């Protein structure tokens, strides 16, 4: 099989609280985005990669890996992914697989990537890495007080990569935007078309960097692999 990678990387990381976006934060001798790209750039099954960047991004040129294409980032994730897909027009076939992975997820394990590709290669829809909710979940009221405890049975945390056919994902995002909808991930856009993406169990170590504390955790996880 082969697949294409689209990586939205136009976020400015307001919650991260640093001078540069979180995807360019230093981490174990590289930047976060370099770690996020590494599993794919080292995989012979990856036919090509597109990174969607913010306008005037001053950091990418310093670390850009050879052969990685770029596209204009958008105001929201779904816009960036859509632009990344557009950059693959004429290269990717309608039935080709596309993997979308967060630039702020530097700890994707090769075993998780292999499991995703293996379980979904023949799937009619596609799917995503996810992990079952393990913590007790609370629903809060407007004042921040716990209103109820939510039954966590059947609840999963969506991770990335998310894996769908090129044509189907592009159409799903086009339809969502035309209807004024803004999906928070690719799976939601596919769900709005009436399809049911497969959840593939992934490691909770595939964390998303949102704060400086997450960098400390990511560094410990990456150091354990060496």
Foldseek 3Di string as FASTA:
>chain_A
DAAEEEEEDADQQPLAPDPGRQLQDDAPNGGLLCLQCVLQVPDPRHPAYEYAYEPPDPPCVVPPDPRHHYFHHDPAPLRSRLRRLVVCVVPADQQHKYWYAYSQQNQFDNVQVVQQCVVCVPPPFFAFEKAQDDDFDFDADPVGDGPDTDDRVPPIGTHDGTMGGSNLLNVLSVVCVVVVHDDNDSQVSNVVVVDDHDYGYDDPSRDGDNYPVVSVSVNVSVVVVD
